[in-house]
C-alpha cells in the first residue's frame, strides 16, 4: 500500500482540541461534558445539531494565545511521521465565533497563538495555512462581519475563506461575500453536500465561485454534478470518519466512485478532537473502502497538488 501522505487537507482548529486537554480544562472549571461530545468520543453517530453543541463546548477553552498554540500543535501532531515528503495542514479557523460571538479571546490573542503554533510547526518542517470559516446558516450579513473582522491586518498565512455550519442559506445569497473575499486575495472553499443536498455543491461552484468543496459526498449520486466537479477541476476534501458520524444515511461511502470518475479528492481529518481520528487513520479508512493502490496514489498526489498550505508563507 502506498504510504500515507503528510498533508491534512481539512482540519478545524476548534474541532481538533485534544480530548485529554478538553477533559482537563472542563475538570478545572467544574464543568460537565455534554452528552453529544462523550457520544462522539465513543464513536457514536449524532445528529448534526448535536455535533454543533459538542463543537461549541470546547471552544470556550480557547481563551488565550497559549491555548490556541496548543490547538495548532494538536493539529500538527496528527500527521504521519516525516518521511522526506511535504507535511502540512490546511486549517479552518472561526475567528468571529471566538472573538465576537462568544468573546472568548481577543483577535490579537488569536493571531498570536496561531502565529506561534504555525512557527513552531514550521521548525518541524510542517506548513500550515489558515482558512477563515464563516457560518452558512447565520447568513451573508454574518459573512461580511467575518471579513470586517479579519481583513484589516490579515496575517500572510490566512489564505482562504469558507463557509460551514448548516447548509440552509442558498449560496447565491452568499455570492457577494465570496466575491468580496476573492477581491481581498483569499481563495474560496465551502462545506457543501454534507448536511445539505448535493445540489448545494453545484450552487457553491456556479453561484459562489468556490474552487474547493469540503465533503461534497452527496454530490456522488448526481452524474452531471460529478462531471461538473471533474470538468472544473474542483478539489474535494473528503473525511471518511467524520462522514460516517455525521452523514449516517450516506450508505456506501462514495470516495471510490468519485476517484474513479476523476474527481480531485484528498483526505482530511475534519474535527478529530470530537470524532477521534488522525491522518493515518483516514488513510486506513480509505483503504478499507476497497481503494486500489492506483487510487491511493491518486489521493496522495491530489493531497499535495491542491494543498493551500504548501503555497503559504514558510513562517
C-alpha atoms as a PDB file:
ATOM      1  CA  UNK A   1       0.000   0.000   0.000  1.00  0.00           C
ATOM      2  CA  UNK A   2       1.365   3.490  -0.795  1.00  0.00           C
ATOM      3  CA  UNK A   3       2.358   5.459   2.332  1.00  0.00           C
ATOM      4  CA  UNK A   4       0.020   7.990   3.865  1.00  0.00           C
ATOM      5  CA  UNK A   5       0.763  11.500   2.533  1.00  0.00           C
ATOM      6  CA  UNK A   6       1.738  14.128   5.071  1.00  0.00           C
ATOM      7  CA  UNK A   7      -0.952  16.656   4.111  1.00  0.00           C
ATOM      8  CA  UNK A   8      -4.158  17.019   6.138  1.00  0.00           C
ATOM      9  CA  UNK A   9      -6.363  18.801   3.661  1.00  0.00           C
ATOM     10  CA  UNK A  10      -9.152  19.714   6.068  1.00  0.00           C
ATOM     11  CA  UNK A  11      -8.902  20.183   9.845  1.00  0.00           C
ATOM     12  CA  UNK A  12     -10.776  22.566  12.143  1.00  0.00           C
ATOM     13  CA  UNK A  13      -8.797  24.303  14.891  1.00  0.00           C
ATOM     14  CA  UNK A  14     -11.772  24.296  17.261  1.00  0.00           C
ATOM     15  CA  UNK A  15     -12.797  20.739  16.433  1.00  0.00           C
ATOM     16  CA  UNK A  16      -9.285  19.407  16.826  1.00  0.00           C
ATOM     17  CA  UNK A  17      -8.710  20.067  20.515  1.00  0.00           C
ATOM     18  CA  UNK A  18      -7.062  17.105  22.191  1.00  0.00           C
ATOM     19  CA  UNK A  19      -9.769  15.248  24.192  1.00  0.00           C
ATOM     20  CA  UNK A  20      -7.492  14.904  27.233  1.00  0.00           C
ATOM     21  CA  UNK A  21      -6.840  18.645  27.099  1.00  0.00           C
ATOM     22  CA  UNK A  22     -10.594  19.343  26.946  1.00  0.00           C
ATOM     23  CA  UNK A  23     -11.306  16.975  29.851  1.00  0.00           C
ATOM     24  CA  UNK A  24      -8.640  18.673  31.952  1.00  0.00           C
ATOM     25  CA  UNK A  25      -9.960  22.169  31.198  1.00  0.00           C
ATOM     26  CA  UNK A  26     -13.535  21.090  31.993  1.00  0.00           C
ATOM     27  CA  UNK A  27     -12.441  19.460  35.245  1.00  0.00           C
ATOM     28  CA  UNK A  28     -10.552  22.607  36.274  1.00  0.00           C
ATOM     29  CA  UNK A  29     -13.734  24.640  35.783  1.00  0.00           C
ATOM     30  CA  UNK A  30     -16.067  22.084  37.361  1.00  0.00           C
ATOM     31  CA  UNK A  31     -17.987  21.660  34.121  1.00  0.00           C
ATOM     32  CA  UNK A  32     -19.811  18.536  32.960  1.00  0.00           C
ATOM     33  CA  UNK A  33     -19.069  17.274  29.463  1.00  0.00           C
ATOM     34  CA  UNK A  34     -22.096  17.459  27.133  1.00  0.00           C
ATOM     35  CA  UNK A  35     -23.625  14.108  26.252  1.00  0.00           C
ATOM     36  CA  UNK A  36     -23.118  14.539  22.468  1.00  0.00           C
ATOM     37  CA  UNK A  37     -19.389  15.102  22.989  1.00  0.00           C
ATOM     38  CA  UNK A  38     -18.997  11.948  25.040  1.00  0.00           C
ATOM     39  CA  UNK A  39     -21.059  10.039  22.443  1.00  0.00           C
ATOM     40  CA  UNK A  40     -18.751  11.219  19.666  1.00  0.00           C
ATOM     41  CA  UNK A  41     -15.696  10.213  21.688  1.00  0.00           C
ATOM     42  CA  UNK A  42     -17.227   6.728  21.974  1.00  0.00           C
ATOM     43  CA  UNK A  43     -17.502   6.573  18.194  1.00  0.00           C
ATOM     44  CA  UNK A  44     -21.273   7.018  18.057  1.00  0.00           C
ATOM     45  CA  UNK A  45     -23.124   8.938  15.352  1.00  0.00           C
ATOM     46  CA  UNK A  46     -25.067  12.029  16.445  1.00  0.00           C
ATOM     47  CA  UNK A  47     -27.369  14.493  14.642  1.00  0.00           C
ATOM     48  CA  UNK A  48     -25.544  17.470  13.144  1.00  0.00           C
ATOM     49  CA  UNK A  49     -27.184  19.885  15.587  1.00  0.00           C
ATOM     50  CA  UNK A  50     -25.809  17.805  18.490  1.00  0.00           C
ATOM     51  CA  UNK A  51     -22.400  17.844  16.864  1.00  0.00           C
ATOM     52  CA  UNK A  52     -22.541  21.656  16.823  1.00  0.00           C
ATOM     53  CA  UNK A  53     -23.254  21.614  20.577  1.00  0.00           C
ATOM     54  CA  UNK A  54     -20.174  19.452  21.153  1.00  0.00           C
ATOM     55  CA  UNK A  55     -18.095  21.681  18.851  1.00  0.00           C
ATOM     56  CA  UNK A  56     -19.036  24.836  20.756  1.00  0.00           C
ATOM     57  CA  UNK A  57     -18.274  23.291  24.152  1.00  0.00           C
ATOM     58  CA  UNK A  58     -14.544  23.025  23.563  1.00  0.00           C
ATOM     59  CA  UNK A  59     -14.308  26.475  22.013  1.00  0.00           C
ATOM     60  CA  UNK A  60     -14.718  28.136  25.410  1.00  0.00           C
ATOM     61  CA  UNK A  61     -11.292  26.845  26.424  1.00  0.00           C
ATOM     62  CA  UNK A  62      -9.601  28.735  23.567  1.00  0.00           C
ATOM     63  CA  UNK A  63      -9.329  31.738  25.838  1.00  0.00           C
ATOM     64  CA  UNK A  64      -5.744  32.874  25.289  1.00  0.00           C
ATOM     65  CA  UNK A  65      -2.828  32.624  22.880  1.00  0.00           C
ATOM     66  CA  UNK A  66      -1.307  29.642  24.674  1.00  0.00           C
ATOM     67  CA  UNK A  67      -4.490  27.608  24.245  1.00  0.00           C
ATOM     68  CA  UNK A  68      -4.630  28.469  20.543  1.00  0.00           C
ATOM     69  CA  UNK A  69      -0.979  27.459  20.133  1.00  0.00           C
ATOM     70  CA  UNK A  70      -1.783  24.141  21.834  1.00  0.00           C
ATOM     71  CA  UNK A  71      -4.633  23.596  19.374  1.00  0.00           C
ATOM     72  CA  UNK A  72      -2.331  24.184  16.399  1.00  0.00           C
ATOM     73  CA  UNK A  73       0.152  21.779  17.973  1.00  0.00           C
ATOM     74  CA  UNK A  74      -2.585  19.136  18.219  1.00  0.00           C
ATOM     75  CA  UNK A  75      -3.414  19.525  14.525  1.00  0.00           C
ATOM     76  CA  UNK A  76       0.224  19.151  13.512  1.00  0.00           C
ATOM     77  CA  UNK A  77       0.592  16.141  15.804  1.00  0.00           C
ATOM     78  CA  UNK A  78      -1.997  14.151  13.847  1.00  0.00           C
ATOM     79  CA  UNK A  79       0.187  13.989  10.747  1.00  0.00           C
ATOM     80  CA  UNK A  80       2.236  10.872   9.980  1.00  0.00           C
ATOM     81  CA  UNK A  81       5.951  10.943  10.857  1.00  0.00           C
ATOM     82  CA  UNK A  82       8.261  12.755   8.476  1.00  0.00           C
ATOM     83  CA  UNK A  83       9.323  10.599   5.545  1.00  0.00           C
ATOM     84  CA  UNK A  84      11.055  13.140   3.324  1.00  0.00           C
ATOM     85  CA  UNK A  85       7.850  14.330   1.652  1.00  0.00           C
ATOM     86  CA  UNK A  86       5.998  17.576   2.351  1.00  0.00           C
ATOM     87  CA  UNK A  87       3.895  17.833   5.503  1.00  0.00           C
ATOM     88  CA  UNK A  88       1.231  20.375   6.222  1.00  0.00           C
ATOM     89  CA  UNK A  89      -2.278  21.242   7.371  1.00  0.00           C
ATOM     90  CA  UNK A  90      -4.994  23.335   5.763  1.00  0.00           C
ATOM     91  CA  UNK A  91      -6.505  24.623   8.998  1.00  0.00           C
ATOM     92  CA  UNK A  92     -10.042  26.033   9.224  1.00  0.00           C
ATOM     93  CA  UNK A  93     -10.492  28.683  11.952  1.00  0.00           C
ATOM     94  CA  UNK A  94     -13.634  30.518  13.133  1.00  0.00           C
ATOM     95  CA  UNK A  95     -12.489  33.956  14.378  1.00  0.00           C
ATOM     96  CA  UNK A  96     -15.934  35.522  14.570  1.00  0.00           C
ATOM     97  CA  UNK A  97     -17.181  32.774  16.879  1.00  0.00           C
ATOM     98  CA  UNK A  98     -14.158  33.002  19.161  1.00  0.00           C
ATOM     99  CA  UNK A  99     -13.645  36.790  19.175  1.00  0.00           C
ATOM    100  CA  UNK A 100     -17.059  38.384  18.607  1.00  0.00           C
ATOM    101  CA  UNK A 101     -19.919  35.940  19.100  1.00  0.00           C
ATOM    102  CA  UNK A 102     -18.616  34.267  22.258  1.00  0.00           C
ATOM    103  CA  UNK A 103     -15.819  36.728  23.073  1.00  0.00           C
ATOM    104  CA  UNK A 104     -13.534  34.024  24.450  1.00  0.00           C
ATOM    105  CA  UNK A 105     -10.387  35.976  23.498  1.00  0.00           C
ATOM    106  CA  UNK A 106      -9.219  38.991  21.528  1.00  0.00           C
ATOM    107  CA  UNK A 107      -8.317  38.910  17.849  1.00  0.00           C
ATOM    108  CA  UNK A 108      -4.734  39.823  18.755  1.00  0.00           C
ATOM    109  CA  UNK A 109      -4.530  36.820  21.090  1.00  0.00           C
ATOM    110  CA  UNK A 110      -5.983  34.535  18.396  1.00  0.00           C
ATOM    111  CA  UNK A 111      -3.494  35.754  15.788  1.00  0.00           C
ATOM    112  CA  UNK A 112      -0.639  35.486  18.298  1.00  0.00           C
ATOM    113  CA  UNK A 113      -1.480  31.889  19.232  1.00  0.00           C
ATOM    114  CA  UNK A 114      -1.878  30.883  15.599  1.00  0.00           C
ATOM    115  CA  UNK A 115       1.385  32.549  14.664  1.00  0.00           C
ATOM    116  CA  UNK A 116       3.274  30.842  17.484  1.00  0.00           C
ATOM    117  CA  UNK A 117       1.797  27.466  16.581  1.00  0.00           C
ATOM    118  CA  UNK A 118       2.499  27.901  12.876  1.00  0.00           C
ATOM    119  CA  UNK A 119       6.097  28.951  13.527  1.00  0.00           C
ATOM    120  CA  UNK A 120       6.607  26.014  15.886  1.00  0.00           C
ATOM    121  CA  UNK A 121       5.245  23.619  13.270  1.00  0.00           C
ATOM    122  CA  UNK A 122       7.458  25.225  10.650  1.00  0.00           C
ATOM    123  CA  UNK A 123      10.537  24.360  12.673  1.00  0.00           C
ATOM    124  CA  UNK A 124       9.472  20.720  12.289  1.00  0.00           C
ATOM    125  CA  UNK A 125       9.039  21.129   8.544  1.00  0.00           C
ATOM    126  CA  UNK A 126       5.230  21.398   8.711  1.00  0.00           C
ATOM    127  CA  UNK A 127       3.488  24.095   6.674  1.00  0.00           C
ATOM    128  CA  UNK A 128       0.138  25.436   7.877  1.00  0.00           C
ATOM    129  CA  UNK A 129      -2.336  27.673   6.060  1.00  0.00           C
ATOM    130  CA  UNK A 130      -5.422  29.159   7.714  1.00  0.00           C
ATOM    131  CA  UNK A 131      -8.821  29.257   6.041  1.00  0.00           C
ATOM    132  CA  UNK A 132     -11.338  31.573   7.691  1.00  0.00           C
ATOM    133  CA  UNK A 133     -14.645  29.817   8.336  1.00  0.00           C
ATOM    134  CA  UNK A 134     -17.974  31.631   8.402  1.00  0.00           C
ATOM    135  CA  UNK A 135     -21.314  30.008   9.251  1.00  0.00           C
ATOM    136  CA  UNK A 136     -23.732  29.434   6.382  1.00  0.00           C
ATOM    137  CA  UNK A 137     -26.899  29.409   8.457  1.00  0.00           C
ATOM    138  CA  UNK A 138     -26.061  32.780  10.019  1.00  0.00           C
ATOM    139  CA  UNK A 139     -26.441  34.340   6.577  1.00  0.00           C
ATOM    140  CA  UNK A 140     -24.402  36.690   4.381  1.00  0.00           C
ATOM    141  CA  UNK A 141     -24.580  39.605   6.826  1.00  0.00           C
ATOM    142  CA  UNK A 142     -22.579  37.456   9.206  1.00  0.00           C
ATOM    143  CA  UNK A 143     -20.160  36.696   6.384  1.00  0.00           C
ATOM    144  CA  UNK A 144     -19.453  40.391   5.880  1.00  0.00           C
ATOM    145  CA  UNK A 145     -18.903  40.765   9.635  1.00  0.00           C
ATOM    146  CA  UNK A 146     -16.334  37.963   9.471  1.00  0.00           C
ATOM    147  CA  UNK A 147     -14.486  39.753   6.675  1.00  0.00           C
ATOM    148  CA  UNK A 148     -14.722  43.089   8.511  1.00  0.00           C
ATOM    149  CA  UNK A 149     -13.009  41.378  11.435  1.00  0.00           C
ATOM    150  CA  UNK A 150     -10.207  39.522   9.671  1.00  0.00           C
ATOM    151  CA  UNK A 151      -9.247  41.564   6.617  1.00  0.00           C
ATOM    152  CA  UNK A 152      -7.600  44.545   8.373  1.00  0.00           C
ATOM    153  CA  UNK A 153      -4.079  43.442   9.228  1.00  0.00           C
ATOM    154  CA  UNK A 154      -4.686  39.920   7.892  1.00  0.00           C
ATOM    155  CA  UNK A 155      -1.613  37.719   8.526  1.00  0.00           C
ATOM    156  CA  UNK A 156       0.044  36.223   5.451  1.00  0.00           C
ATOM    157  CA  UNK A 157      -0.798  32.673   6.488  1.00  0.00           C
ATOM    158  CA  UNK A 158      -4.533  33.441   6.230  1.00  0.00           C
ATOM    159  CA  UNK A 159      -5.058  32.347   2.641  1.00  0.00           C
ATOM    160  CA  UNK A 160      -8.711  31.330   2.254  1.00  0.00           C
ATOM    161  CA  UNK A 161     -12.357  31.926   3.105  1.00  0.00           C
ATOM    162  CA  UNK A 162     -15.033  29.274   3.559  1.00  0.00           C
ATOM    163  CA  UNK A 163     -18.495  28.656   4.912  1.00  0.00           C
ATOM    164  CA  UNK A 164     -19.502  25.810   7.210  1.00  0.00           C
ATOM    165  CA  UNK A 165     -22.340  25.065   9.607  1.00  0.00           C
ATOM    166  CA  UNK A 166     -25.822  24.072   8.488  1.00  0.00           C
ATOM    167  CA  UNK A 167     -26.390  24.378   4.734  1.00  0.00           C
ATOM    168  CA  UNK A 168     -29.580  26.413   4.996  1.00  0.00           C
ATOM    169  CA  UNK A 169     -28.879  29.698   3.190  1.00  0.00           C
ATOM    170  CA  UNK A 170     -28.539  29.437  -0.610  1.00  0.00           C
ATOM    171  CA  UNK A 171     -25.063  30.050  -1.933  1.00  0.00           C
ATOM    172  CA  UNK A 172     -26.444  32.568  -4.411  1.00  0.00           C
ATOM    173  CA  UNK A 173     -27.256  34.749  -1.380  1.00  0.00           C
ATOM    174  CA  UNK A 174     -23.692  34.327  -0.181  1.00  0.00           C
ATOM    175  CA  UNK A 175     -22.184  35.220  -3.561  1.00  0.00           C
ATOM    176  CA  UNK A 176     -21.375  38.886  -2.704  1.00  0.00           C
ATOM    177  CA  UNK A 177     -19.469  37.749   0.395  1.00  0.00           C
ATOM    178  CA  UNK A 178     -17.411  35.271  -1.590  1.00  0.00           C
ATOM    179  CA  UNK A 179     -16.790  37.916  -4.242  1.00  0.00           C
ATOM    180  CA  UNK A 180     -15.522  40.318  -1.578  1.00  0.00           C
ATOM    181  CA  UNK A 181     -13.237  37.650  -0.112  1.00  0.00           C
ATOM    182  CA  UNK A 182     -11.830  36.865  -3.551  1.00  0.00           C
ATOM    183  CA  UNK A 183     -11.248  40.563  -4.163  1.00  0.00           C
ATOM    184  CA  UNK A 184      -9.228  40.688  -0.945  1.00  0.00           C
ATOM    185  CA  UNK A 185      -6.935  37.941  -2.251  1.00  0.00           C
ATOM    186  CA  UNK A 186      -8.467  34.963  -0.448  1.00  0.00           C
ATOM    187  CA  UNK A 187      -9.078  31.597  -2.076  1.00  0.00           C
ATOM    188  CA  UNK A 188     -12.597  30.209  -1.815  1.00  0.00           C
ATOM    189  CA  UNK A 189     -13.966  26.969  -0.369  1.00  0.00           C
ATOM    190  CA  UNK A 190     -17.289  25.825   1.066  1.00  0.00           C
ATOM    191  CA  UNK A 191     -18.701  22.990   3.111  1.00  0.00           C
ATOM    192  CA  UNK A 192     -21.436  21.650   0.830  1.00  0.00           C
ATOM    193  CA  UNK A 193     -23.202  18.368   0.198  1.00  0.00           C
ATOM    194  CA  UNK A 194     -22.621  17.242   3.792  1.00  0.00           C
ATOM    195  CA  UNK A 195     -25.705  18.115   5.863  1.00  0.00           C
ATOM    196  CA  UNK A 196     -27.433  19.530   2.781  1.00  0.00           C
ATOM    197  CA  UNK A 197     -28.265  18.137  -0.657  1.00  0.00           C
ATOM    198  CA  UNK A 198     -25.780  17.570  -3.436  1.00  0.00           C
ATOM    199  CA  UNK A 199     -27.359  20.481  -5.297  1.00  0.00           C
ATOM    200  CA  UNK A 200     -25.618  22.773  -2.805  1.00  0.00           C
ATOM    201  CA  UNK A 201     -22.293  21.700  -4.320  1.00  0.00           C
ATOM    202  CA  UNK A 202     -23.408  22.884  -7.753  1.00  0.00           C
ATOM    203  CA  UNK A 203     -24.640  26.176  -6.320  1.00  0.00           C
ATOM    204  CA  UNK A 204     -21.403  26.770  -4.398  1.00  0.00           C
ATOM    205  CA  UNK A 205     -19.400  26.321  -7.591  1.00  0.00           C
ATOM    206  CA  UNK A 206     -21.624  28.156 -10.068  1.00  0.00           C
ATOM    207  CA  UNK A 207     -23.127  30.888  -7.874  1.00  0.00           C
ATOM    208  CA  UNK A 208     -20.448  31.499  -5.236  1.00  0.00           C
ATOM    209  CA  UNK A 209     -17.443  30.695  -7.417  1.00  0.00           C
ATOM    210  CA  UNK A 210     -15.643  28.401  -4.988  1.00  0.00           C
ATOM    211  CA  UNK A 211     -12.673  26.369  -6.190  1.00  0.00           C
ATOM    212  CA  UNK A 212     -12.803  23.789  -3.421  1.00  0.00           C
ATOM    213  CA  UNK A 213     -15.565  21.775  -1.747  1.00  0.00           C
ATOM    214  CA  UNK A 214     -15.361  20.327   1.740  1.00  0.00           C
ATOM    215  CA  UNK A 215     -17.062  16.921   1.968  1.00  0.00           C
ATOM    216  CA  UNK A 216     -19.376  17.057  -1.058  1.00  0.00           C
ATOM    217  CA  UNK A 217     -20.268  13.413  -0.520  1.00  0.00           C
ATOM    218  CA  UNK A 218     -23.908  13.850  -1.531  1.00  0.00           C
ATOM    219  CA  UNK A 219     -22.798  15.013  -4.973  1.00  0.00           C
ATOM    220  CA  UNK A 220     -21.836  11.473  -5.939  1.00  0.00           C
ATOM    221  CA  UNK A 221     -25.426  10.422  -6.707  1.00  0.00           C
ATOM    222  CA  UNK A 222     -25.732  13.044  -9.486  1.00  0.00           C
ATOM    223  CA  UNK A 223     -23.671  12.104 -12.585  1.00  0.00           C
ATOM    224  CA  UNK A 224     -23.990  15.596 -14.054  1.00  0.00           C
ATOM    225  CA  UNK A 225     -22.680  17.131 -10.844  1.00  0.00           C
ATOM    226  CA  UNK A 226     -19.772  14.686 -10.738  1.00  0.00           C
ATOM    227  CA  UNK A 227     -18.994  15.706 -14.317  1.00  0.00           C
ATOM    228  CA  UNK A 228     -19.037  19.366 -13.257  1.00  0.00           C
ATOM    229  CA  UNK A 229     -16.548  18.630 -10.468  1.00  0.00           C
ATOM    230  CA  UNK A 230     -14.246  16.894 -12.946  1.00  0.00           C
ATOM    231  CA  UNK A 231     -14.592  19.496 -15.715  1.00  0.00           C
ATOM    232  CA  UNK A 232     -13.909  22.422 -13.351  1.00  0.00           C
ATOM    233  CA  UNK A 233     -11.046  20.620 -11.585  1.00  0.00           C
ATOM    234  CA  UNK A 234     -12.717  21.264  -8.223  1.00  0.00           C
ATOM    235  CA  UNK A 235     -10.747  19.936  -5.265  1.00  0.00           C
ATOM    236  CA  UNK A 236     -12.803  17.827  -2.840  1.00  0.00           C
ATOM    237  CA  UNK A 237     -11.732  17.397   0.800  1.00  0.00           C
ATOM    238  CA  UNK A 238     -13.139  14.038   1.935  1.00  0.00           C
ATOM    239  CA  UNK A 239     -13.208  12.942   5.576  1.00  0.00           C
ATOM    240  CA  UNK A 240     -14.440   9.323   5.817  1.00  0.00           C
ATOM    241  CA  UNK A 241     -14.518   9.032   9.616  1.00  0.00           C
ATOM    242  CA  UNK A 242     -16.405  12.294  10.029  1.00  0.00           C
ATOM    243  CA  UNK A 243     -18.792  11.400   7.216  1.00  0.00           C
ATOM    244  CA  UNK A 244     -19.699   8.145   8.954  1.00  0.00           C
ATOM    245  CA  UNK A 245     -20.506  10.037  12.174  1.00  0.00           C
ATOM    246  CA  UNK A 246     -22.354  13.000  10.688  1.00  0.00           C
ATOM    247  CA  UNK A 247     -23.936  11.660   7.481  1.00  0.00           C
ATOM    248  CA  UNK A 248     -25.485   8.434   8.817  1.00  0.00           C
ATOM    249  CA  UNK A 249     -27.787   7.969   5.813  1.00  0.00           C
ATOM    250  CA  UNK A 250     -24.918   8.146   3.341  1.00  0.00           C
ATOM    251  CA  UNK A 251     -24.846   4.438   2.513  1.00  0.00           C
ATOM    252  CA  UNK A 252     -21.637   3.111   0.930  1.00  0.00           C
ATOM    253  CA  UNK A 253     -19.041   5.859   1.053  1.00  0.00           C
ATOM    254  CA  UNK A 254     -18.737   7.447  -2.409  1.00  0.00           C
ATOM    255  CA  UNK A 255     -14.970   8.055  -2.334  1.00  0.00           C
ATOM    256  CA  UNK A 256     -14.186   5.124  -4.673  1.00  0.00           C
ATOM    257  CA  UNK A 257     -16.833   6.289  -7.159  1.00  0.00           C
ATOM    258  CA  UNK A 258     -15.584   9.880  -7.068  1.00  0.00           C
ATOM    259  CA  UNK A 259     -11.965   8.866  -7.612  1.00  0.00           C
ATOM    260  CA  UNK A 260     -12.900   6.523 -10.441  1.00  0.00           C
ATOM    261  CA  UNK A 261     -14.765   9.397 -12.109  1.00  0.00           C
ATOM    262  CA  UNK A 262     -11.679  11.617 -11.875  1.00  0.00           C
ATOM    263  CA  UNK A 263     -12.730  13.988  -9.073  1.00  0.00           C
ATOM    264  CA  UNK A 264      -9.702  15.569  -7.342  1.00  0.00           C
ATOM    265  CA  UNK A 265     -10.306  14.027  -3.907  1.00  0.00           C
ATOM    266  CA  UNK A 266      -7.908  14.184  -0.951  1.00  0.00           C
ATOM    267  CA  UNK A 267      -8.266  13.293   2.731  1.00  0.00           C
ATOM    268  CA  UNK A 268      -8.803  15.414   5.810  1.00  0.00           C
ATOM    269  CA  UNK A 269      -9.426  14.724   9.489  1.00  0.00           C
ATOM    270  CA  UNK A 270     -12.180  17.376   9.865  1.00  0.00           C
ATOM    271  CA  UNK A 271     -12.866  17.521  13.637  1.00  0.00           C
ATOM    272  CA  UNK A 272     -10.555  14.853  15.063  1.00  0.00           C
ATOM    273  CA  UNK A 273     -10.813  16.122  18.633  1.00  0.00           C
ATOM    274  CA  UNK A 274     -14.538  15.391  18.524  1.00  0.00           C
ATOM    275  CA  UNK A 275     -14.596  12.430  16.144  1.00  0.00           C
ATOM    276  CA  UNK A 276     -11.363  10.647  17.070  1.00  0.00           C
ATOM    277  CA  UNK A 277      -9.024  10.039  14.150  1.00  0.00           C
ATOM    278  CA  UNK A 278      -5.729  11.167  12.682  1.00  0.00           C
ATOM    279  CA  UNK A 279      -4.437  11.335   9.127  1.00  0.00           C
ATOM    280  CA  UNK A 280      -3.042   7.760   9.082  1.00  0.00           C
ATOM    281  CA  UNK A 281      -6.437   6.658  10.403  1.00  0.00           C
ATOM    282  CA  UNK A 282      -8.183   8.376   7.497  1.00  0.00           C
ATOM    283  CA  UNK A 283      -5.718   6.736   5.092  1.00  0.00           C
ATOM    284  CA  UNK A 284      -6.555   3.328   6.525  1.00  0.00           C
ATOM    285  CA  UNK A 285     -10.276   4.112   6.361  1.00  0.00           C
ATOM    286  CA  UNK A 286      -9.900   4.999   2.677  1.00  0.00           C
ATOM    287  CA  UNK A 287      -8.029   1.768   2.033  1.00  0.00           C
ATOM    288  CA  UNK A 288     -10.761  -0.188   3.784  1.00  0.00           C
ATOM    289  CA  UNK A 289     -13.273   1.212   1.294  1.00  0.00           C
ATOM    290  CA  UNK A 290     -11.605  -1.035  -1.250  1.00  0.00           C
ATOM    291  CA  UNK A 291      -9.434   1.540  -2.981  1.00  0.00           C
ATOM    292  CA  UNK A 292      -6.784   0.144  -5.262  1.00  0.00           C
ATOM    293  CA  UNK A 293      -3.147   1.187  -4.950  1.00  0.00           C
ATOM    294  CA  UNK A 294      -3.516   3.447  -8.030  1.00  0.00           C
ATOM    295  CA  UNK A 295      -6.461   5.169  -6.342  1.00  0.00           C
ATOM    296  CA  UNK A 296      -4.442   5.642  -3.157  1.00  0.00           C
ATOM    297  CA  UNK A 297      -1.574   7.060  -5.202  1.00  0.00           C
ATOM    298  CA  UNK A 298      -4.047   9.483  -6.793  1.00  0.00           C
ATOM    299  CA  UNK A 299      -5.261  10.550  -3.331  1.00  0.00           C
ATOM    300  CA  UNK A 300      -1.669  11.249  -2.317  1.00  0.00           C
ATOM    301  CA  UNK A 301      -0.928  13.260  -5.471  1.00  0.00           C
ATOM    302  CA  UNK A 302      -4.096  15.302  -5.037  1.00  0.00           C
ATOM    303  CA  UNK A 303      -3.266  15.982  -1.398  1.00  0.00           C
ATOM    304  CA  UNK A 304      -0.045  17.669  -2.427  1.00  0.00           C
ATOM    305  CA  UNK A 305      -1.192  19.292  -5.667  1.00  0.00           C
ATOM    306  CA  UNK A 306      -4.246  21.080  -4.208  1.00  0.00           C
ATOM    307  CA  UNK A 307      -2.971  21.861  -0.692  1.00  0.00           C
ATOM    308  CA  UNK A 308      -3.083  25.544   0.101  1.00  0.00           C
ATOM    309  CA  UNK A 309      -0.622  25.138   2.956  1.00  0.00           C
ATOM    310  CA  UNK A 310       2.223  24.306   0.560  1.00  0.00           C
ATOM    311  CA  UNK A 311       1.846  27.727  -1.017  1.00  0.00           C
ATOM    312  CA  UNK A 312       1.548  29.595   2.289  1.00  0.00           C
ATOM    313  CA  UNK A 313       4.417  31.623   3.794  1.00  0.00           C
ATOM    314  CA  UNK A 314       7.016  29.378   5.431  1.00  0.00           C
ATOM    315  CA  UNK A 315       6.927  31.374   8.692  1.00  0.00           C
END
